[in-house]
mmCIF file of all heavy atoms, coordinates in Angstrom:
data_MODEL
# 
_entry.id   MODEL 
# 
loop_
_atom_site.group_PDB 
_atom_site.id 
_atom_site.type_symbol 
_atom_site.label_atom_id 
_atom_site.label_alt_id 
_atom_site.label_comp_id 
_atom_site.label_asym_id 
_atom_site.label_entity_id 
_atom_site.label_seq_id 
_atom_site.pdbx_PDB_ins_code 
_atom_site.Cartn_x 
_atom_site.Cartn_y 
_atom_site.Cartn_z 
_atom_site.occupancy 
_atom_site.B_iso_or_equiv 
_atom_site.pdbx_formal_charge 
_atom_site.auth_seq_id 
_atom_site.auth_comp_id 
_atom_site.auth_asym_id 
_atom_site.auth_atom_id 
_atom_site.pdbx_PDB_model_num 
ATOM 1   N N   . LEU A 1 1  ? 202.878 93.051  61.945 1.00 0.00 ? 1  LEU A N   1 
ATOM 2   C CA  . LEU A 1 1  ? 202.585 94.091  62.924 1.00 0.00 ? 1  LEU A CA  1 
ATOM 3   C C   . LEU A 1 1  ? 201.163 93.966  63.455 1.00 0.00 ? 1  LEU A C   1 
ATOM 4   O O   . LEU A 1 1  ? 200.915 94.151  64.658 1.00 0.00 ? 1  LEU A O   1 
ATOM 5   C CB  . LEU A 1 1  ? 202.799 95.470  62.297 1.00 0.00 ? 1  LEU A CB  1 
ATOM 6   C CG  . LEU A 1 1  ? 204.245 95.881  62.046 1.00 0.00 ? 1  LEU A CG  1 
ATOM 7   C CD1 . LEU A 1 1  ? 204.294 97.152  61.196 1.00 0.00 ? 1  LEU A CD1 1 
ATOM 8   C CD2 . LEU A 1 1  ? 204.975 96.096  63.356 1.00 0.00 ? 1  LEU A CD2 1 
ATOM 9   N N   . SER A 1 2  ? 200.234 93.653  62.564 1.00 0.00 ? 2  SER A N   1 
ATOM 10  C CA  . SER A 1 2  ? 198.841 93.472  62.981 1.00 0.00 ? 2  SER A CA  1 
ATOM 11  C C   . SER A 1 2  ? 198.704 92.295  63.940 1.00 0.00 ? 2  SER A C   1 
ATOM 12  O O   . SER A 1 2  ? 197.986 92.370  64.953 1.00 0.00 ? 2  SER A O   1 
ATOM 13  C CB  . SER A 1 2  ? 197.939 93.258  61.766 1.00 0.00 ? 2  SER A CB  1 
ATOM 14  O OG  . SER A 1 2  ? 197.924 94.389  60.926 1.00 0.00 ? 2  SER A OG  1 
ATOM 15  N N   . LYS A 1 3  ? 199.414 91.219  63.648 1.00 0.00 ? 3  LYS A N   1 
ATOM 16  C CA  . LYS A 1 3  ? 199.359 90.036  64.504 1.00 0.00 ? 3  LYS A CA  1 
ATOM 17  C C   . LYS A 1 3  ? 199.948 90.333  65.876 1.00 0.00 ? 3  LYS A C   1 
ATOM 18  O O   . LYS A 1 3  ? 199.402 89.904  66.904 1.00 0.00 ? 3  LYS A O   1 
ATOM 19  C CB  . LYS A 1 3  ? 200.103 88.882  63.834 1.00 0.00 ? 3  LYS A CB  1 
ATOM 20  C CG  . LYS A 1 3  ? 200.009 87.569  64.610 1.00 0.00 ? 3  LYS A CG  1 
ATOM 21  C CD  . LYS A 1 3  ? 200.556 86.404  63.795 1.00 0.00 ? 3  LYS A CD  1 
ATOM 22  C CE  . LYS A 1 3  ? 200.347 85.088  64.559 1.00 0.00 ? 3  LYS A CE  1 
ATOM 23  N NZ  . LYS A 1 3  ? 200.717 83.919  63.745 1.00 0.00 ? 3  LYS A NZ  1 
ATOM 24  N N   . ILE A 1 4  ? 201.042 91.070  65.904 1.00 0.00 ? 4  ILE A N   1 
ATOM 25  C CA  . ILE A 1 4  ? 201.660 91.438  67.171 1.00 0.00 ? 4  ILE A CA  1 
ATOM 26  C C   . ILE A 1 4  ? 200.719 92.335  67.979 1.00 0.00 ? 4  ILE A C   1 
ATOM 27  O O   . ILE A 1 4  ? 200.520 92.127  69.185 1.00 0.00 ? 4  ILE A O   1 
ATOM 28  C CB  . ILE A 1 4  ? 203.003 92.152  66.925 1.00 0.00 ? 4  ILE A CB  1 
ATOM 29  C CG1 . ILE A 1 4  ? 204.021 91.170  66.339 1.00 0.00 ? 4  ILE A CG1 1 
ATOM 30  C CG2 . ILE A 1 4  ? 203.547 92.760  68.226 1.00 0.00 ? 4  ILE A CG2 1 
ATOM 31  C CD1 . ILE A 1 4  ? 205.287 91.836  65.823 1.00 0.00 ? 4  ILE A CD1 1 
ATOM 32  N N   . GLY A 1 5  ? 200.128 93.330  67.304 1.00 0.00 ? 5  GLY A N   1 
ATOM 33  C CA  . GLY A 1 5  ? 199.207 94.237  67.985 1.00 0.00 ? 5  GLY A CA  1 
ATOM 34  C C   . GLY A 1 5  ? 197.976 93.529  68.527 1.00 0.00 ? 5  GLY A C   1 
ATOM 35  O O   . GLY A 1 5  ? 197.539 93.776  69.658 1.00 0.00 ? 5  GLY A O   1 
ATOM 36  N N   . THR A 1 6  ? 197.399 92.636  67.715 1.00 0.00 ? 6  THR A N   1 
ATOM 37  C CA  . THR A 1 6  ? 196.219 91.886  68.154 1.00 0.00 ? 6  THR A CA  1 
ATOM 38  C C   . THR A 1 6  ? 196.546 90.980  69.335 1.00 0.00 ? 6  THR A C   1 
ATOM 39  O O   . THR A 1 6  ? 195.763 90.860  70.283 1.00 0.00 ? 6  THR A O   1 
ATOM 40  C CB  . THR A 1 6  ? 195.671 91.041  66.989 1.00 0.00 ? 6  THR A CB  1 
ATOM 41  O OG1 . THR A 1 6  ? 195.307 91.904  65.904 1.00 0.00 ? 6  THR A OG1 1 
ATOM 42  C CG2 . THR A 1 6  ? 194.445 90.254  67.425 1.00 0.00 ? 6  THR A CG2 1 
ATOM 43  N N   . SER A 1 7  ? 197.716 90.356  69.282 1.00 0.00 ? 7  SER A N   1 
ATOM 44  C CA  . SER A 1 7  ? 198.124 89.475  70.375 1.00 0.00 ? 7  SER A CA  1 
ATOM 45  C C   . SER A 1 7  ? 198.280 90.252  71.679 1.00 0.00 ? 7  SER A C   1 
ATOM 46  O O   . SER A 1 7  ? 197.920 89.768  72.761 1.00 0.00 ? 7  SER A O   1 
ATOM 47  C CB  . SER A 1 7  ? 199.444 88.769  70.033 1.00 0.00 ? 7  SER A CB  1 
ATOM 48  O OG  . SER A 1 7  ? 199.279 87.902  68.935 1.00 0.00 ? 7  SER A OG  1 
ATOM 49  N N   . TRP A 1 8  ? 198.804 91.457  71.590 1.00 0.00 ? 8  TRP A N   1 
ATOM 50  C CA  . TRP A 1 8  ? 198.958 92.279  72.789 1.00 0.00 ? 8  TRP A CA  1 
ATOM 51  C C   . TRP A 1 8  ? 197.599 92.722  73.323 1.00 0.00 ? 8  TRP A C   1 
ATOM 52  O O   . TRP A 1 8  ? 197.337 92.674  74.528 1.00 0.00 ? 8  TRP A O   1 
ATOM 53  C CB  . TRP A 1 8  ? 199.822 93.500  72.477 1.00 0.00 ? 8  TRP A CB  1 
ATOM 54  C CG  . TRP A 1 8  ? 199.898 94.436  73.640 1.00 0.00 ? 8  TRP A CG  1 
ATOM 55  C CD1 . TRP A 1 8  ? 200.575 94.247  74.810 1.00 0.00 ? 8  TRP A CD1 1 
ATOM 56  C CD2 . TRP A 1 8  ? 199.254 95.707  73.749 1.00 0.00 ? 8  TRP A CD2 1 
ATOM 57  N NE1 . TRP A 1 8  ? 200.388 95.317  75.654 1.00 0.00 ? 8  TRP A NE1 1 
ATOM 58  C CE2 . TRP A 1 8  ? 199.584 96.236  75.018 1.00 0.00 ? 8  TRP A CE2 1 
ATOM 59  C CE3 . TRP A 1 8  ? 198.439 96.451  72.900 1.00 0.00 ? 8  TRP A CE3 1 
ATOM 60  C CZ2 . TRP A 1 8  ? 199.115 97.477  75.453 1.00 0.00 ? 8  TRP A CZ2 1 
ATOM 61  C CZ3 . TRP A 1 8  ? 197.975 97.685  73.329 1.00 0.00 ? 8  TRP A CZ3 1 
ATOM 62  C CH2 . TRP A 1 8  ? 198.317 98.181  74.591 1.00 0.00 ? 8  TRP A CH2 1 
ATOM 63  N N   . GLU A 1 9  ? 196.699 93.142  72.411 1.00 0.00 ? 9  GLU A N   1 
ATOM 64  C CA  . GLU A 1 9  ? 195.365 93.582  72.834 1.00 0.00 ? 9  GLU A CA  1 
ATOM 65  C C   . GLU A 1 9  ? 194.594 92.464  73.528 1.00 0.00 ? 9  GLU A C   1 
ATOM 66  O O   . GLU A 1 9  ? 193.823 92.707  74.465 1.00 0.00 ? 9  GLU A O   1 
ATOM 67  C CB  . GLU A 1 9  ? 194.579 94.083  71.621 1.00 0.00 ? 9  GLU A CB  1 
ATOM 68  C CG  . GLU A 1 9  ? 195.102 95.398  71.050 1.00 0.00 ? 9  GLU A CG  1 
ATOM 69  C CD  . GLU A 1 9  ? 194.395 95.789  69.769 1.00 0.00 ? 9  GLU A CD  1 
ATOM 70  O OE1 . GLU A 1 9  ? 193.572 94.976  69.275 1.00 0.00 ? 9  GLU A OE1 1 
ATOM 71  O OE2 . GLU A 1 9  ? 194.658 96.900  69.257 1.00 0.00 ? 9  GLU A OE2 1 
ATOM 72  N N   . LYS A 1 10 ? 194.804 91.227  73.084 1.00 0.00 ? 10 LYS A N   1 
ATOM 73  C CA  . LYS A 1 10 ? 194.109 90.090  73.669 1.00 0.00 ? 10 LYS A CA  1 
ATOM 74  C C   . LYS A 1 10 ? 194.841 89.492  74.870 1.00 0.00 ? 10 LYS A C   1 
ATOM 75  O O   . LYS A 1 10 ? 194.391 88.502  75.446 1.00 0.00 ? 10 LYS A O   1 
ATOM 76  C CB  . LYS A 1 10 ? 193.899 89.011  72.604 1.00 0.00 ? 10 LYS A CB  1 
ATOM 77  C CG  . LYS A 1 10 ? 192.939 89.426  71.494 1.00 0.00 ? 10 LYS A CG  1 
ATOM 78  C CD  . LYS A 1 10 ? 192.721 88.288  70.499 1.00 0.00 ? 10 LYS A CD  1 
ATOM 79  C CE  . LYS A 1 10 ? 191.714 88.677  69.423 1.00 0.00 ? 10 LYS A CE  1 
ATOM 80  N NZ  . LYS A 1 10 ? 191.489 87.573  68.445 1.00 0.00 ? 10 LYS A NZ  1 
ATOM 81  N N   . GLY A 1 11 ? 195.962 90.089  75.226 1.00 0.00 ? 11 GLY A N   1 
ATOM 82  C CA  . GLY A 1 11 ? 196.697 89.622  76.390 1.00 0.00 ? 11 GLY A CA  1 
ATOM 83  C C   . GLY A 1 11 ? 197.527 88.374  76.157 1.00 0.00 ? 11 GLY A C   1 
ATOM 84  O O   . GLY A 1 11 ? 197.982 87.734  77.117 1.00 0.00 ? 11 GLY A O   1 
ATOM 85  N N   . LYS A 1 12 ? 197.763 88.042  74.895 1.00 0.00 ? 12 LYS A N   1 
ATOM 86  C CA  . LYS A 1 12 ? 198.552 86.841  74.588 1.00 0.00 ? 12 LYS A CA  1 
ATOM 87  C C   . LYS A 1 12 ? 200.047 87.080  74.743 1.00 0.00 ? 12 LYS A C   1 
ATOM 88  O O   . LYS A 1 12 ? 200.816 86.142  74.940 1.00 0.00 ? 12 LYS A O   1 
ATOM 89  C CB  . LYS A 1 12 ? 198.239 86.363  73.165 1.00 0.00 ? 12 LYS A CB  1 
ATOM 90  C CG  . LYS A 1 12 ? 196.808 85.863  72.986 1.00 0.00 ? 12 LYS A CG  1 
ATOM 91  C CD  . LYS A 1 12 ? 196.581 85.375  71.558 1.00 0.00 ? 12 LYS A CD  1 
ATOM 92  C CE  . LYS A 1 12 ? 195.172 84.833  71.378 1.00 0.00 ? 12 LYS A CE  1 
ATOM 93  N NZ  . LYS A 1 12 ? 194.940 84.346  69.985 1.00 0.00 ? 12 LYS A NZ  1 
ATOM 94  N N   . ILE A 1 13 ? 200.460 88.333  74.600 1.00 0.00 ? 13 ILE A N   1 
ATOM 95  C CA  . ILE A 1 13 ? 201.861 88.689  74.809 1.00 0.00 ? 13 ILE A CA  1 
ATOM 96  C C   . ILE A 1 13 ? 201.907 89.906  75.725 1.00 0.00 ? 13 ILE A C   1 
ATOM 97  O O   . ILE A 1 13 ? 200.936 90.662  75.840 1.00 0.00 ? 13 ILE A O   1 
ATOM 98  C CB  . ILE A 1 13 ? 202.606 88.989  73.490 1.00 0.00 ? 13 ILE A CB  1 
ATOM 99  C CG1 . ILE A 1 13 ? 201.977 90.183  72.770 1.00 0.00 ? 13 ILE A CG1 1 
ATOM 100 C CG2 . ILE A 1 13 ? 202.623 87.768  72.594 1.00 0.00 ? 13 ILE A CG2 1 
ATOM 101 C CD1 . ILE A 1 13 ? 202.748 90.625  71.529 1.00 0.00 ? 13 ILE A CD1 1 
ATOM 102 N N   . SER A 1 14 ? 203.038 90.106  76.365 1.00 0.00 ? 14 SER A N   1 
ATOM 103 C CA  . SER A 1 14 ? 203.190 91.230  77.281 1.00 0.00 ? 14 SER A CA  1 
ATOM 104 C C   . SER A 1 14 ? 203.583 92.495  76.528 1.00 0.00 ? 14 SER A C   1 
ATOM 105 O O   . SER A 1 14 ? 203.976 92.441  75.357 1.00 0.00 ? 14 SER A O   1 
ATOM 106 C CB  . SER A 1 14 ? 204.259 90.905  78.332 1.00 0.00 ? 14 SER A CB  1 
ATOM 107 O OG  . SER A 1 14 ? 205.529 90.776  77.707 1.00 0.00 ? 14 SER A OG  1 
ATOM 108 N N   . ILE A 1 15 ? 203.493 93.635  77.200 1.00 0.00 ? 15 ILE A N   1 
ATOM 109 C CA  . ILE A 1 15 ? 203.881 94.898  76.584 1.00 0.00 ? 15 ILE A CA  1 
ATOM 110 C C   . ILE A 1 15 ? 205.380 94.900  76.278 1.00 0.00 ? 15 ILE A C   1 
ATOM 111 O O   . ILE A 1 15 ? 205.821 95.481  75.286 1.00 0.00 ? 15 ILE A O   1 
ATOM 112 C CB  . ILE A 1 15 ? 203.518 96.092  77.495 1.00 0.00 ? 15 ILE A CB  1 
ATOM 113 C CG1 . ILE A 1 15 ? 203.805 97.414  76.793 1.00 0.00 ? 15 ILE A CG1 1 
ATOM 114 C CG2 . ILE A 1 15 ? 204.270 96.004  78.816 1.00 0.00 ? 15 ILE A CG2 1 
ATOM 115 C CD1 . ILE A 1 15 ? 203.004 97.645  75.544 1.00 0.00 ? 15 ILE A CD1 1 
ATOM 116 N N   . SER A 1 16 ? 206.162 94.229  77.091 1.00 0.00 ? 16 SER A N   1 
ATOM 117 C CA  . SER A 1 16 ? 207.603 94.147  76.844 1.00 0.00 ? 16 SER A CA  1 
ATOM 118 C C   . SER A 1 16 ? 207.891 93.340  75.580 1.00 0.00 ? 16 SER A C   1 
ATOM 119 O O   . SER A 1 16 ? 208.806 93.671  74.814 1.00 0.00 ? 16 SER A O   1 
ATOM 120 C CB  . SER A 1 16 ? 208.336 93.545  78.046 1.00 0.00 ? 16 SER A CB  1 
ATOM 121 O OG  . SER A 1 16 ? 207.873 92.243  78.318 1.00 0.00 ? 16 SER A OG  1 
ATOM 122 N N   . GLN A 1 17 ? 207.113 92.277  75.346 1.00 0.00 ? 17 GLN A N   1 
ATOM 123 C CA  . GLN A 1 17 ? 207.285 91.490  74.118 1.00 0.00 ? 17 GLN A CA  1 
ATOM 124 C C   . GLN A 1 17 ? 206.889 92.305  72.894 1.00 0.00 ? 17 GLN A C   1 
ATOM 125 O O   . GLN A 1 17 ? 207.541 92.250  71.855 1.00 0.00 ? 17 GLN A O   1 
ATOM 126 C CB  . GLN A 1 17 ? 206.450 90.206  74.192 1.00 0.00 ? 17 GLN A CB  1 
ATOM 127 C CG  . GLN A 1 17 ? 207.000 89.154  75.139 1.00 0.00 ? 17 GLN A CG  1 
ATOM 128 C CD  . GLN A 1 17 ? 206.094 87.945  75.223 1.00 0.00 ? 17 GLN A CD  1 
ATOM 129 O OE1 . GLN A 1 17 ? 204.914 88.058  75.585 1.00 0.00 ? 17 GLN A OE1 1 
ATOM 130 N NE2 . GLN A 1 17 ? 206.632 86.774  74.884 1.00 0.00 ? 17 GLN A NE2 1 
ATOM 131 N N   . GLU A 1 18 ? 205.798 93.061  73.035 1.00 0.00 ? 18 GLU A N   1 
ATOM 132 C CA  . GLU A 1 18 ? 205.353 93.916  71.925 1.00 0.00 ? 18 GLU A CA  1 
ATOM 133 C C   . GLU A 1 18 ? 206.408 94.965  71.611 1.00 0.00 ? 18 GLU A C   1 
ATOM 134 O O   . GLU A 1 18 ? 206.725 95.234  70.443 1.00 0.00 ? 18 GLU A O   1 
ATOM 135 C CB  . GLU A 1 18 ? 204.030 94.585  72.305 1.00 0.00 ? 18 GLU A CB  1 
ATOM 136 C CG  . GLU A 1 18 ? 203.353 95.357  71.162 1.00 0.00 ? 18 GLU A CG  1 
ATOM 137 C CD  . GLU A 1 18 ? 203.862 96.780  71.013 1.00 0.00 ? 18 GLU A CD  1 
ATOM 138 O OE1 . GLU A 1 18 ? 204.453 97.306  71.979 1.00 0.00 ? 18 GLU A OE1 1 
ATOM 139 O OE2 . GLU A 1 18 ? 203.685 97.372  69.920 1.00 0.00 ? 18 GLU A OE2 1 
ATOM 140 N N   . HIS A 1 19 ? 206.982 95.553  72.660 1.00 0.00 ? 19 HIS A N   1 
ATOM 141 C CA  . HIS A 1 19 ? 208.011 96.574  72.464 1.00 0.00 ? 19 HIS A CA  1 
ATOM 142 C C   . HIS A 1 19 ? 209.264 95.969  71.842 1.00 0.00 ? 19 HIS A C   1 
ATOM 143 O O   . HIS A 1 19 ? 209.852 96.552  70.925 1.00 0.00 ? 19 HIS A O   1 
ATOM 144 C CB  . HIS A 1 19 ? 208.358 97.219  73.807 1.00 0.00 ? 19 HIS A CB  1 
ATOM 145 C CG  . HIS A 1 19 ? 209.455 98.242  73.709 1.00 0.00 ? 19 HIS A CG  1 
ATOM 146 N ND1 . HIS A 1 19 ? 209.285 99.474  73.103 1.00 0.00 ? 19 HIS A ND1 1 
ATOM 147 C CD2 . HIS A 1 19 ? 210.754 98.194  74.131 1.00 0.00 ? 19 HIS A CD2 1 
ATOM 148 C CE1 . HIS A 1 19 ? 210.427 100.142 73.148 1.00 0.00 ? 19 HIS A CE1 1 
ATOM 149 N NE2 . HIS A 1 19 ? 211.328 99.398  73.768 1.00 0.00 ? 19 HIS A NE2 1 
ATOM 150 N N   . LEU A 1 20 ? 209.655 94.812  72.308 1.00 0.00 ? 20 LEU A N   1 
ATOM 151 C CA  . LEU A 1 20 ? 210.845 94.149  71.783 1.00 0.00 ? 20 LEU A CA  1 
ATOM 152 C C   . LEU A 1 20 ? 210.681 93.824  70.305 1.00 0.00 ? 20 LEU A C   1 
ATOM 153 O O   . LEU A 1 20 ? 211.595 94.031  69.501 1.00 0.00 ? 20 LEU A O   1 
ATOM 154 C CB  . LEU A 1 20 ? 211.110 92.869  72.573 1.00 0.00 ? 20 LEU A CB  1 
ATOM 155 C CG  . LEU A 1 20 ? 212.371 92.066  72.212 1.00 0.00 ? 20 LEU A CG  1 
ATOM 156 C CD1 . LEU A 1 20 ? 213.617 92.916  72.393 1.00 0.00 ? 20 LEU A CD1 1 
ATOM 157 C CD2 . LEU A 1 20 ? 212.454 90.812  73.078 1.00 0.00 ? 20 LEU A CD2 1 
ATOM 158 N N   . ALA A 1 21 ? 209.507 93.322  69.927 1.00 0.00 ? 21 ALA A N   1 
ATOM 159 C CA  . ALA A 1 21 ? 209.234 93.000  68.530 1.00 0.00 ? 21 ALA A CA  1 
ATOM 160 C C   . ALA A 1 21 ? 209.296 94.257  67.658 1.00 0.00 ? 21 ALA A C   1 
ATOM 161 O O   . ALA A 1 21 ? 209.864 94.241  66.554 1.00 0.00 ? 21 ALA A O   1 
ATOM 162 C CB  . ALA A 1 21 ? 207.860 92.345  68.404 1.00 0.00 ? 21 ALA A CB  1 
ATOM 163 N N   . THR A 1 22 ? 208.741 95.356  68.167 1.00 0.00 ? 22 THR A N   1 
ATOM 164 C CA  . THR A 1 22 ? 208.746 96.610  67.421 1.00 0.00 ? 22 THR A CA  1 
ATOM 165 C C   . THR A 1 22 ? 210.163 97.124  67.208 1.00 0.00 ? 22 THR A C   1 
ATOM 166 O O   . THR A 1 22 ? 210.513 97.610  66.121 1.00 0.00 ? 22 THR A O   1 
ATOM 167 C CB  . THR A 1 22 ? 207.920 97.676  68.162 1.00 0.00 ? 22 THR A CB  1 
ATOM 168 O OG1 . THR A 1 22 ? 206.567 97.219  68.302 1.00 0.00 ? 22 THR A OG1 1 
ATOM 169 C CG2 . THR A 1 22 ? 207.908 98.993  67.393 1.00 0.00 ? 22 THR A CG2 1 
ATOM 170 N N   . VAL A 1 23 ? 210.998 97.020  68.234 1.00 0.00 ? 23 VAL A N   1 
ATOM 171 C CA  . VAL A 1 23 ? 212.386 97.471  68.131 1.00 0.00 ? 23 VAL A CA  1 
ATOM 172 C C   . VAL A 1 23 ? 213.133 96.677  67.057 1.00 0.00 ? 23 VAL A C   1 
ATOM 173 O O   . VAL A 1 23 ? 213.894 97.243  66.263 1.00 0.00 ? 23 VAL A O   1 
ATOM 174 C CB  . VAL A 1 23 ? 213.101 97.337  69.488 1.00 0.00 ? 23 VAL A CB  1 
ATOM 175 C CG1 . VAL A 1 23 ? 214.612 97.533  69.330 1.00 0.00 ? 23 VAL A CG1 1 
ATOM 176 C CG2 . VAL A 1 23 ? 212.538 98.342  70.482 1.00 0.00 ? 23 VAL A CG2 1 
ATOM 177 N N   . ILE A 1 24 ? 212.919 95.366  67.024 1.00 0.00 ? 24 ILE A N   1 
ATOM 178 C CA  . ILE A 1 24 ? 213.589 94.515  66.031 1.00 0.00 ? 24 ILE A CA  1 
ATOM 179 C C   . ILE A 1 24 ? 213.173 94.901  64.619 1.00 0.00 ? 24 ILE A C   1 
ATOM 180 O O   . ILE A 1 24 ? 214.008 95.018  63.710 1.00 0.00 ? 24 ILE A O   1 
ATOM 181 C CB  . ILE A 1 24 ? 213.275 93.032  66.301 1.00 0.00 ? 24 ILE A CB  1 
ATOM 182 C CG1 . ILE A 1 24 ? 213.976 92.577  67.594 1.00 0.00 ? 24 ILE A CG1 1 
ATOM 183 C CG2 . ILE A 1 24 ? 213.711 92.148  65.122 1.00 0.00 ? 24 ILE A CG2 1 
ATOM 184 C CD1 . ILE A 1 24 ? 213.606 91.171  68.027 1.00 0.00 ? 24 ILE A CD1 1 
ATOM 185 N N   . ILE A 1 25 ? 211.877 95.108  64.417 1.00 0.00 ? 25 ILE A N   1 
ATOM 186 C CA  . ILE A 1 25 ? 211.369 95.471  63.089 1.00 0.00 ? 25 ILE A CA  1 
ATOM 187 C C   . ILE A 1 25 ? 211.883 96.850  62.686 1.00 0.00 ? 25 ILE A C   1 
ATOM 188 O O   . ILE A 1 25 ? 212.290 97.067  61.541 1.00 0.00 ? 25 ILE A O   1 
ATOM 189 C CB  . ILE A 1 25 ? 209.831 95.435  63.074 1.00 0.00 ? 25 ILE A CB  1 
ATOM 190 C CG1 . ILE A 1 25 ? 209.339 94.007  63.324 1.00 0.00 ? 25 ILE A CG1 1 
ATOM 191 C CG2 . ILE A 1 25 ? 209.287 95.959  61.740 1.00 0.00 ? 25 ILE A CG2 1 
ATOM 192 C CD1 . ILE A 1 25 ? 207.842 93.893  63.534 1.00 0.00 ? 25 ILE A CD1 1 
ATOM 193 N N   . ARG A 1 26 ? 211.871 97.791  63.630 1.00 0.00 ? 26 ARG A N   1 
ATOM 194 C CA  . ARG A 1 26 ? 212.362 99.138  63.329 1.00 0.00 ? 26 ARG A CA  1 
ATOM 195 C C   . ARG A 1 26 ? 213.837 99.110  62.926 1.00 0.00 ? 26 ARG A C   1 
ATOM 196 O O   . ARG A 1 26 ? 214.254 99.811  62.002 1.00 0.00 ? 26 ARG A O   1 
ATOM 197 C CB  . ARG A 1 26 ? 212.164 100.059 64.534 1.00 0.00 ? 26 ARG A CB  1 
ATOM 198 C CG  . ARG A 1 26 ? 212.647 101.494 64.276 1.00 0.00 ? 26 ARG A CG  1 
ATOM 199 C CD  . ARG A 1 26 ? 212.507 102.384 65.500 1.00 0.00 ? 26 ARG A CD  1 
ATOM 200 N NE  . ARG A 1 26 ? 211.112 102.645 65.800 1.00 0.00 ? 26 ARG A NE  1 
ATOM 201 C CZ  . ARG A 1 26 ? 210.501 102.204 66.894 1.00 0.00 ? 26 ARG A CZ  1 
ATOM 202 N NH1 . ARG A 1 26 ? 211.163 101.448 67.769 1.00 0.00 ? 26 ARG A NH1 1 
ATOM 203 N NH2 . ARG A 1 26 ? 209.228 102.492 67.112 1.00 0.00 ? 26 ARG A NH2 1 
ATOM 204 N N   . LYS A 1 27 ? 214.628 98.321  63.626 1.00 0.00 ? 27 LYS A N   1 
ATOM 205 C CA  . LYS A 1 27 ? 216.053 98.245  63.324 1.00 0.00 ? 27 LYS A CA  1 
ATOM 206 C C   . LYS A 1 27 ? 216.277 97.701  61.917 1.00 0.00 ? 27 LYS A C   1 
ATOM 207 O O   . LYS A 1 27 ? 217.137 98.188  61.175 1.00 0.00 ? 27 LYS A O   1 
ATOM 208 C CB  . LYS A 1 27 ? 216.767 97.372  64.351 1.00 0.00 ? 27 LYS A CB  1 
ATOM 209 C CG  . LYS A 1 27 ? 218.283 97.349  64.191 1.00 0.00 ? 27 LYS A CG  1 
ATOM 210 C CD  . LYS A 1 27 ? 218.940 96.472  65.241 1.00 0.00 ? 27 LYS A CD  1 
ATOM 211 C CE  . LYS A 1 27 ? 218.788 97.057  66.621 1.00 0.00 ? 27 LYS A CE  1 
ATOM 212 N NZ  . LYS A 1 27 ? 219.565 96.273  67.626 1.00 0.00 ? 27 LYS A NZ  1 
ATOM 213 N N   . PHE A 1 28 ? 215.509 96.692  61.547 1.00 0.00 ? 28 PHE A N   1 
ATOM 214 C CA  . PHE A 1 28 ? 215.614 96.135  60.196 1.00 0.00 ? 28 PHE A CA  1 
ATOM 215 C C   . PHE A 1 28 ? 215.278 97.183  59.148 1.00 0.00 ? 28 PHE A C   1 
ATOM 216 O O   . PHE A 1 28 ? 216.010 97.365  58.165 1.00 0.00 ? 28 PHE A O   1 
ATOM 217 C CB  . PHE A 1 28 ? 214.682 94.929  60.058 1.00 0.00 ? 28 PHE A CB  1 
ATOM 218 C CG  . PHE A 1 28 ? 214.360 94.562  58.639 1.00 0.00 ? 28 PHE A CG  1 
ATOM 219 C CD1 . PHE A 1 28 ? 215.323 94.008  57.810 1.00 0.00 ? 28 PHE A CD1 1 
ATOM 220 C CD2 . PHE A 1 28 ? 213.085 94.774  58.124 1.00 0.00 ? 28 PHE A CD2 1 
ATOM 221 C CE1 . PHE A 1 28 ? 215.029 93.671  56.491 1.00 0.00 ? 28 PHE A CE1 1 
ATOM 222 C CE2 . PHE A 1 28 ? 212.782 94.431  56.810 1.00 0.00 ? 28 PHE A CE2 1 
ATOM 223 C CZ  . PHE A 1 28 ? 213.757 93.885  55.998 1.00 0.00 ? 28 PHE A CZ  1 
ATOM 224 N N   . LEU A 1 29 ? 214.181 97.910  59.360 1.00 0.00 ? 29 LEU A N   1 
ATOM 225 C CA  . LEU A 1 29 ? 213.745 98.902  58.386 1.00 0.00 ? 29 LEU A CA  1 
ATOM 226 C C   . LEU A 1 29 ? 214.743 100.052 58.265 1.00 0.00 ? 29 LEU A C   1 
ATOM 227 O O   . LEU A 1 29 ? 215.035 100.520 57.155 1.00 0.00 ? 29 LEU A O   1 
ATOM 228 C CB  . LEU A 1 29 ? 212.371 99.443  58.778 1.00 0.00 ? 29 LEU A CB  1 
ATOM 229 C CG  . LEU A 1 29 ? 211.211 98.444  58.719 1.00 0.00 ? 29 LEU A CG  1 
ATOM 230 C CD1 . LEU A 1 29 ? 209.945 99.069  59.288 1.00 0.00 ? 29 LEU A CD1 1 
ATOM 231 C CD2 . LEU A 1 29 ? 210.976 97.963  57.296 1.00 0.00 ? 29 LEU A CD2 1 
# 
């Protein structure tokens, strides 16, 4: 989660990618 958040803050991934990753993790949990 930290890596995903840092990547988004630095502009390495888009907000849609960050949201998609979060949805996948939430579904697993």
